[in-house]
Amino acid sequence: MPEKISLTDAGVRALRAPSTGQITVWDTQSPLGVRVSQGGTKTYVVMIGSGKRHTIGKVTVVKLTEAREEARRLIAAKTLKMLQPKQSSISFETALPLFLDQHYKGKSVRSKDEATRTLTNHFKPAIGKKQLHEITDEDISKELSKLDHVPSEQLHSFRFLRTFLKWCTRPPRKYIARSPLEGYEPPGQDVKRSRVLSDAELVAIWNACIGTFGDMVRLLILWGTRNGETGRLRRAWVDGLLITIPGQHTKNKRAHSIPLLPMALAILKRQDKMGDNYRDKSSDYYFPGKTPKSHFNDGSWGKAKQELERESGVTNWQLRDIRRTARSNWAKLGIRREIAELLLNHVTGSNKNELDEIYDRYDYLDEKRAARTHTTKTA
């Protein structure tokens, strides 16, 4: 049974935040409710349909008496059929591909793939068949709560869904009048990490790397590339002893050229000899997914990393920490800052300004090759 109390100003102030998710306490004197989020934010709401909540406003902005009056007005409007006309009949799963094609047009393939994976895996199974105007904040809260054990994935999922629902409210579509996430507090905050793996930890991780996933992690260690870039590597990108990741597959849309030294080259050649799971020359990807035409699934990195953590004995680290570790080690080896930034494909590489980006087309390949050779010899 929903919790009901006679709401007072003091009682509302005294409501405590739940340890996870959110709770709603309902008024015994009116259809008004108070939603309390994990972060302590309190918002007045009213139920205007079967499972359909309407947000009135935050407790810090709207007075209790005003909220009660607004709740009664909305219920009366519902009864007298004075609410807005029914929204366009379109389901989540129908609108999703339209959003992905239109919103990510001209953006990186990596960004679109990540949005596709997140929205398809975390929301489509539960609310895909629902009409957009039928989706409630409770539906969303239920799905987000399933990701409590992976806070970073939960926050990214929330952001992708918020962008999608906001897109659905804009003309010329106007599939819904307002997003059910309007006024909904994010489930967390970005955490700025500073973890740098020690040499001993890197060695332990390297030695524990086996199979296809292990080879990808070894490339992360050698190159300092991002997960998505590495999982999408294609044979067609190789030209002699150079592999170039096109701009549409990098975070900053800048092509990234990497000189192929013996250790990395041996890893790529090893993929050509692996016949399991389509890992042969029938696929253009060095690290295919379940079919030759797909790359290694972005959502599979976490599960495979857990096994690597057990095998290596190295705990409390993330794959992205390898990139930070590479940058720190390059500095320790005396590699110039601008070259180290270029090795990471950062926009700040070589101290270029906007005019340099237009007129300075020098690719610094010799400097990159020398830096990576120095790193390999030192290792």
Protein backbone atom coordinates (compact mmCIF):
# COMPACT_ATOMS: atom_id res chain seq x y z
CA MET A 1 0.00 0.00 0.00
CA PRO A 2 1.30 3.51 -0.83
CA GLU A 3 2.34 5.47 2.25
CA LYS A 4 -0.19 8.21 3.16
CA ILE A 5 0.07 10.96 5.76
CA SER A 6 -1.54 14.31 6.38
CA LEU A 7 1.07 16.53 4.77
CA THR A 8 2.24 19.61 6.64
CA ASP A 9 5.11 21.99 5.96
CA ALA A 10 7.05 20.52 8.87
CA GLY A 11 6.21 16.98 7.83
CA VAL A 12 7.42 17.57 4.30
CA ARG A 13 10.71 19.01 5.59
CA ALA A 14 11.14 15.96 7.84
CA LEU A 15 10.82 13.39 5.05
CA ARG A 16 14.07 11.47 4.74
CA ALA A 17 15.77 10.49 1.50
CA PRO A 18 15.85 6.75 0.66
CA SER A 19 19.19 4.93 0.45
CA THR A 20 18.52 4.12 -3.22
CA GLY A 21 16.05 5.18 -5.90
CA GLN A 22 13.13 7.33 -4.74
CA ILE A 23 9.96 7.17 -2.65
CA THR A 24 6.58 8.93 -2.90
CA VAL A 25 4.46 9.87 0.13
CA TRP A 26 0.81 10.73 -0.57
CA ASP A 27 -1.41 13.31 1.17
CA THR A 28 -4.57 12.12 2.93
CA GLN A 29 -6.32 15.48 2.32
CA SER A 30 -5.77 15.78 -1.44
CA PRO A 31 -4.43 13.87 -4.49
CA LEU A 32 -1.02 15.46 -3.85
CA GLY A 33 2.16 13.43 -3.35
CA VAL A 34 5.76 14.23 -2.45
CA ARG A 35 8.49 12.39 -4.36
CA VAL A 36 11.81 12.18 -2.47
CA SER A 37 14.92 11.24 -4.46
CA GLN A 38 18.05 9.52 -3.18
CA GLY A 39 19.85 12.88 -3.29
CA GLY A 40 17.24 14.48 -1.02
CA THR A 41 15.34 16.49 -3.68
CA LYS A 42 11.62 16.75 -2.90
CA THR A 43 9.05 17.33 -5.64
CA TYR A 44 5.26 17.66 -5.53
CA VAL A 45 3.47 15.25 -7.90
CA VAL A 46 -0.08 14.15 -8.68
CA MET A 47 -1.41 10.95 -10.25
CA ILE A 48 -3.60 11.92 -13.21
CA GLY A 49 -4.05 8.49 -14.74
CA SER A 50 -3.25 4.84 -14.24
CA GLY A 51 0.41 4.99 -13.25
CA LYS A 52 0.81 8.40 -14.92
CA ARG A 53 2.31 11.08 -12.72
CA HIS A 54 2.41 14.80 -13.32
CA THR A 55 5.17 16.90 -11.74
CA ILE A 56 3.88 20.09 -10.08
CA GLY A 57 7.16 21.53 -8.83
CA LYS A 58 9.94 21.31 -6.29
CA VAL A 59 9.09 21.75 -2.61
CA THR A 60 11.61 24.60 -2.37
CA VAL A 61 9.70 26.54 -5.07
CA VAL A 62 6.00 25.66 -4.64
CA LYS A 63 4.12 26.11 -1.36
CA LEU A 64 2.16 23.18 0.05
CA THR A 65 -1.18 25.01 -0.20
CA GLU A 66 -0.48 25.95 -3.82
CA ALA A 67 0.54 22.38 -4.66
CA ARG A 68 -2.72 21.02 -3.19
CA GLU A 69 -4.78 23.47 -5.26
CA GLU A 70 -2.89 22.56 -8.44
CA ALA A 71 -3.33 18.83 -7.75
CA ARG A 72 -7.09 19.27 -7.36
CA ARG A 73 -7.27 21.39 -10.52
CA LEU A 74 -5.48 18.72 -12.57
CA ILE A 75 -7.74 15.97 -11.29
CA ALA A 76 -10.80 18.09 -12.12
CA ALA A 77 -9.45 18.76 -15.61
CA LYS A 78 -8.95 15.04 -16.08
CA THR A 79 -12.50 14.32 -14.97
CA LEU A 80 -13.94 16.97 -17.29
CA LYS A 81 -11.74 15.82 -20.17
CA MET A 82 -10.02 19.17 -20.25
CA LEU A 83 -6.52 17.78 -20.43
CA GLN A 84 -4.48 18.09 -23.61
CA PRO A 85 -5.53 15.87 -26.53
CA LYS A 86 -4.03 12.42 -26.65
CA GLN A 87 -0.45 12.42 -27.88
CA SER A 88 0.61 10.90 -31.18
CA SER A 89 0.44 7.13 -31.04
CA ILE A 90 4.04 6.02 -31.36
CA SER A 91 5.89 3.48 -29.29
CA PHE A 92 9.35 3.66 -27.75
CA GLU A 93 10.71 1.01 -30.11
CA THR A 94 9.29 2.81 -33.16
CA ALA A 95 10.68 6.22 -32.18
CA LEU A 96 14.11 4.89 -31.16
CA PRO A 97 15.57 4.22 -34.66
CA LEU A 98 14.21 7.57 -35.86
CA PHE A 99 16.00 9.30 -33.00
CA LEU A 100 19.26 7.44 -33.61
CA ASP A 101 19.27 8.24 -37.33
CA GLN A 102 18.32 11.90 -36.99
CA HIS A 103 19.98 13.00 -33.76
CA TYR A 104 23.32 11.33 -34.51
CA LYS A 105 23.48 12.33 -38.16
CA GLY A 106 26.94 13.80 -38.74
CA LYS A 107 28.17 12.66 -35.32
CA SER A 108 30.74 9.97 -34.64
CA VAL A 109 29.84 6.33 -35.29
CA ARG A 110 31.09 5.56 -31.80
CA SER A 111 28.58 7.95 -30.17
CA LYS A 112 25.67 6.51 -32.13
CA ASP A 113 26.73 2.93 -31.35
CA GLU A 114 26.96 3.69 -27.64
CA ALA A 115 23.51 5.31 -27.60
CA THR A 116 22.06 2.37 -29.54
CA ARG A 117 23.58 -0.18 -27.18
CA THR A 118 22.50 1.63 -24.02
CA LEU A 119 18.91 2.42 -24.97
CA THR A 120 18.35 -0.98 -26.60
CA ASN A 121 19.81 -3.05 -23.76
CA HIS A 122 18.57 -1.14 -20.72
CA PHE A 123 15.15 0.23 -21.72
CA LYS A 124 13.74 -1.39 -24.85
CA PRO A 125 13.03 -4.83 -23.26
CA ALA A 126 10.81 -3.30 -20.56
CA ILE A 127 9.18 -0.25 -22.19
CA GLY A 128 9.78 -0.81 -25.92
CA LYS A 129 6.15 -1.74 -26.64
CA LYS A 130 4.73 1.18 -24.62
CA GLN A 131 3.40 4.29 -26.30
CA LEU A 132 5.64 7.22 -25.45
CA HIS A 133 2.86 9.11 -23.66
CA GLU A 134 2.28 6.06 -21.44
CA ILE A 135 5.85 5.93 -20.09
CA THR A 136 6.10 7.21 -16.51
CA ASP A 137 8.96 8.27 -14.31
CA GLU A 138 8.27 5.15 -12.24
CA ASP A 139 8.85 2.97 -15.32
CA ILE A 140 12.19 4.69 -15.84
CA SER A 141 13.15 4.59 -12.16
CA LYS A 142 12.54 0.83 -12.11
CA GLU A 143 14.91 0.23 -15.03
CA LEU A 144 17.58 2.60 -13.73
CA SER A 145 17.51 0.89 -10.31
CA LYS A 146 18.67 -2.31 -12.01
CA LEU A 147 21.98 -0.52 -12.70
CA ASP A 148 22.66 0.52 -9.10
CA HIS A 149 25.68 -1.82 -9.05
CA VAL A 150 27.28 -0.01 -12.01
CA PRO A 151 26.91 3.73 -11.19
CA SER A 152 28.79 4.98 -14.26
CA GLU A 153 26.65 2.91 -16.66
CA GLN A 154 23.53 4.04 -14.77
CA LEU A 155 24.41 7.72 -15.18
CA HIS A 156 25.22 7.33 -18.88
CA SER A 157 21.95 5.42 -19.42
CA PHE A 158 20.01 8.21 -17.73
CA ARG A 159 21.64 10.83 -19.96
CA PHE A 160 20.98 8.93 -23.19
CA LEU A 161 17.33 8.40 -22.24
CA ARG A 162 16.91 12.04 -21.20
CA THR A 163 18.26 13.18 -24.58
CA PHE A 164 15.95 10.76 -26.42
CA LEU A 165 12.81 11.85 -24.53
CA LYS A 166 13.67 15.54 -24.95
CA TRP A 167 14.06 14.91 -28.68
CA CYS A 168 10.56 13.40 -28.69
CA THR A 169 9.05 16.65 -27.34
CA ARG A 170 10.53 18.92 -30.02
CA PRO A 171 8.84 20.00 -33.27
CA PRO A 172 8.11 18.86 -35.85
CA ARG A 173 7.68 15.56 -33.99
CA LYS A 174 6.04 16.48 -30.67
CA TYR A 175 5.42 12.82 -29.92
CA ILE A 176 4.90 13.81 -26.26
CA ALA A 177 4.09 17.18 -24.66
CA ARG A 178 6.74 16.82 -21.97
CA SER A 179 9.38 14.34 -20.95
CA PRO A 180 8.66 12.10 -17.93
CA LEU A 181 12.26 12.87 -16.91
CA GLU A 182 11.50 16.58 -16.58
CA GLY A 183 12.60 17.56 -13.07
CA TYR A 184 14.06 14.08 -12.48
CA GLU A 185 17.38 14.27 -10.66
CA PRO A 186 20.35 12.40 -12.22
CA PRO A 187 21.11 9.16 -10.33
CA GLY A 188 24.67 10.27 -9.60
CA GLN A 189 27.60 12.41 -10.64
CA ASP A 190 30.67 11.93 -12.78
CA VAL A 191 33.61 10.79 -10.68
CA LYS A 192 36.99 12.15 -11.68
CA ARG A 193 39.40 9.27 -11.34
CA SER A 194 43.13 9.54 -10.63
CA ARG A 195 44.12 5.86 -10.49
CA VAL A 196 47.49 5.13 -12.11
CA LEU A 197 48.58 1.50 -12.33
CA SER A 198 52.04 0.64 -11.06
CA ASP A 199 54.60 -1.13 -13.24
CA ALA A 200 54.03 -4.35 -11.26
CA GLU A 201 50.27 -4.10 -11.77
CA LEU A 202 50.69 -3.51 -15.50
CA VAL A 203 52.92 -6.58 -15.75
CA ALA A 204 50.37 -8.68 -13.84
CA ILE A 205 47.55 -7.52 -16.12
CA TRP A 206 49.64 -8.07 -19.26
CA ASN A 207 50.56 -11.61 -18.20
CA ALA A 208 46.92 -12.43 -17.40
CA CYS A 209 45.72 -11.33 -20.85
CA ILE A 210 44.59 -14.27 -22.98
CA GLY A 211 42.51 -14.66 -26.13
CA THR A 212 40.87 -11.90 -28.11
CA PHE A 213 39.93 -9.71 -25.15
CA GLY A 214 43.43 -10.04 -23.72
CA ASP A 215 44.92 -8.87 -27.01
CA MET A 216 42.68 -5.80 -27.00
CA VAL A 217 43.77 -4.92 -23.47
CA ARG A 218 47.41 -5.31 -24.49
CA LEU A 219 46.83 -2.81 -27.28
CA LEU A 220 45.31 -0.41 -24.72
CA ILE A 221 48.53 -0.73 -22.72
CA LEU A 222 50.77 -0.24 -25.77
CA TRP A 223 48.81 2.56 -27.41
CA GLY A 224 46.70 4.30 -24.76
CA THR A 225 43.69 4.16 -27.10
CA ARG A 226 40.06 4.15 -25.96
CA ASN A 227 38.08 0.91 -25.63
CA GLY A 228 35.64 1.68 -28.44
CA GLU A 229 38.41 2.68 -30.85
CA THR A 230 40.31 -0.52 -30.16
CA GLY A 231 37.28 -2.80 -30.45
CA ARG A 232 36.47 -1.30 -33.87
CA LEU A 233 39.92 -1.73 -35.47
CA ARG A 234 39.67 -2.75 -39.13
CA ARG A 235 42.18 -4.38 -41.43
CA ALA A 236 41.36 -1.78 -44.07
CA TRP A 237 42.82 0.91 -41.79
CA VAL A 238 46.32 -0.58 -42.02
CA ASP A 239 48.76 0.89 -44.55
CA GLY A 240 52.15 -0.77 -44.28
CA LEU A 241 53.43 -0.15 -40.75
CA LEU A 242 50.73 2.39 -39.92
CA ILE A 243 47.13 2.07 -38.78
CA THR A 244 44.85 5.11 -38.95
CA ILE A 245 41.56 5.27 -37.05
CA PRO A 246 39.21 7.53 -39.08
CA GLY A 247 37.74 10.60 -37.41
CA GLN A 248 34.19 9.21 -37.42
CA HIS A 249 35.37 6.50 -35.03
CA THR A 250 37.23 8.74 -32.54
CA LYS A 251 35.79 10.78 -29.70
CA ASN A 252 37.00 14.14 -31.01
CA LYS A 253 36.37 13.31 -34.72
CA ARG A 254 40.09 13.62 -35.49
CA ALA A 255 41.81 10.82 -37.41
CA HIS A 256 44.42 9.08 -35.26
CA SER A 257 47.49 7.50 -36.91
CA ILE A 258 49.45 4.93 -34.90
CA PRO A 259 52.83 3.54 -36.04
CA LEU A 260 52.82 -0.27 -35.87
CA LEU A 261 55.78 -1.53 -33.88
CA PRO A 262 56.65 -5.25 -33.51
CA MET A 263 54.60 -6.03 -30.37
CA ALA A 264 51.38 -4.43 -31.65
CA LEU A 265 51.95 -5.84 -35.13
CA ALA A 266 52.29 -9.34 -33.66
CA ILE A 267 48.95 -8.92 -31.87
CA LEU A 268 47.16 -7.90 -35.06
CA LYS A 269 48.75 -10.69 -37.07
CA ARG A 270 47.67 -13.17 -34.41
CA GLN A 271 44.04 -12.25 -35.07
CA ASP A 272 44.45 -13.31 -38.70
CA LYS A 273 45.39 -16.80 -37.52
CA MET A 274 42.49 -17.24 -35.09
CA GLY A 275 39.64 -19.19 -36.63
CA ASP A 276 37.17 -19.27 -33.73
CA ASN A 277 34.06 -17.07 -33.70
CA TYR A 278 34.65 -15.82 -37.26
CA ARG A 279 38.02 -14.38 -36.32
CA ASP A 280 39.58 -14.81 -39.72
CA LYS A 281 39.90 -12.79 -42.90
CA SER A 282 36.20 -13.13 -43.67
CA SER A 283 35.74 -10.13 -41.35
CA ASP A 284 37.22 -6.69 -41.87
CA TYR A 285 37.34 -6.31 -38.07
CA TYR A 286 40.36 -7.49 -36.13
CA PHE A 287 38.07 -8.13 -33.16
CA PRO A 288 34.64 -9.18 -34.54
CA GLY A 289 31.47 -9.66 -32.55
CA LYS A 290 29.06 -12.54 -32.99
CA THR A 291 29.10 -12.16 -36.78
CA PRO A 292 31.87 -11.15 -39.20
CA LYS A 293 30.09 -7.85 -39.93
CA SER A 294 30.03 -6.67 -36.31
CA HIS A 295 32.82 -5.45 -34.05
CA PHE A 296 33.49 -6.49 -30.45
CA ASN A 297 30.41 -5.51 -28.44
CA ASP A 298 30.91 -2.34 -26.36
CA GLY A 299 28.83 -3.85 -23.59
CA SER A 300 31.10 -6.90 -23.28
CA TRP A 301 34.18 -5.09 -21.97
CA GLY A 302 32.99 -4.96 -18.35
CA LYS A 303 32.22 -8.66 -17.96
CA ALA A 304 35.49 -9.73 -19.59
CA LYS A 305 37.41 -7.25 -17.46
CA GLN A 306 36.06 -8.87 -14.27
CA GLU A 307 37.61 -12.17 -15.32
CA LEU A 308 40.89 -10.39 -16.11
CA GLU A 309 40.82 -8.81 -12.67
CA ARG A 310 40.46 -12.22 -11.04
CA GLU A 311 43.27 -13.73 -13.11
CA SER A 312 45.69 -10.82 -12.59
CA GLY A 313 44.97 -10.23 -8.92
CA VAL A 314 44.89 -6.48 -9.59
CA THR A 315 41.77 -4.87 -8.09
CA ASN A 316 40.15 -1.45 -7.84
CA TRP A 317 40.93 -0.36 -11.40
CA GLN A 318 39.08 0.39 -14.60
CA LEU A 319 40.09 -0.06 -18.21
CA ARG A 320 40.13 3.71 -18.69
CA ASP A 321 42.86 3.87 -16.02
CA ILE A 322 45.23 2.25 -18.54
CA ARG A 323 45.01 5.36 -20.73
CA ARG A 324 45.87 7.62 -17.78
CA THR A 325 48.69 5.28 -16.82
CA ALA A 326 50.13 5.40 -20.33
CA ARG A 327 50.12 9.21 -20.28
CA SER A 328 51.80 9.27 -16.86
CA ASN A 329 54.46 6.78 -17.94
CA TRP A 330 55.25 8.75 -21.09
CA ALA A 331 55.87 11.82 -18.94
CA LYS A 332 58.06 9.76 -16.61
CA LEU A 333 60.11 8.59 -19.60
CA GLY A 334 60.76 12.18 -20.64
CA ILE A 335 58.54 12.21 -23.74
CA ARG A 336 57.63 15.80 -24.57
CA ARG A 337 54.16 16.84 -23.45
CA GLU A 338 52.93 17.81 -26.92
CA ILE A 339 54.00 14.42 -28.33
CA ALA A 340 52.40 12.55 -25.41
CA GLU A 341 49.14 14.40 -26.06
CA LEU A 342 49.32 13.48 -29.74
CA LEU A 343 49.84 9.83 -28.80
CA LEU A 344 46.47 10.05 -27.00
CA ASN A 345 44.93 11.95 -29.93
CA HIS A 346 44.05 14.86 -27.66
CA VAL A 347 43.02 18.13 -29.29
CA THR A 348 45.72 19.86 -27.20
CA GLY A 349 48.42 17.78 -28.93
CA SER A 350 51.49 19.74 -30.13
CA ASN A 351 50.01 22.91 -28.56
CA LYS A 352 48.02 23.55 -31.75
CA ASN A 353 45.59 26.44 -31.83
CA GLU A 354 42.67 26.92 -34.26
CA LEU A 355 44.87 28.32 -37.03
CA ASP A 356 47.37 25.50 -36.58
CA GLU A 357 44.56 23.01 -37.10
CA ILE A 358 43.91 24.60 -40.50
CA TYR A 359 47.44 25.25 -41.75
CA ASP A 360 49.76 22.88 -39.87
CA ARG A 361 49.21 19.52 -41.56
CA TYR A 362 52.41 17.91 -40.27
CA ASP A 363 51.49 14.48 -38.84
CA TYR A 364 54.39 14.01 -36.35
CA LEU A 365 54.62 10.32 -37.31
CA ASP A 366 58.39 10.20 -36.79
CA GLU A 367 58.03 11.66 -33.31
CA LYS A 368 55.21 9.26 -32.49
CA ARG A 369 57.23 6.28 -33.72
CA ALA A 370 60.28 7.35 -31.71
CA ALA A 371 58.21 7.82 -28.55
CA ARG A 372 56.51 4.43 -28.85
CA THR A 373 59.84 2.74 -29.61
CA HIS A 374 61.37 4.32 -26.50
CA THR A 375 58.40 3.15 -24.42
CA THR A 376 58.64 -0.43 -25.71
CA LYS A 377 62.38 -0.67 -25.11
CA THR A 378 62.01 0.67 -21.57
CA ALA A 379 59.23 -1.83 -20.84
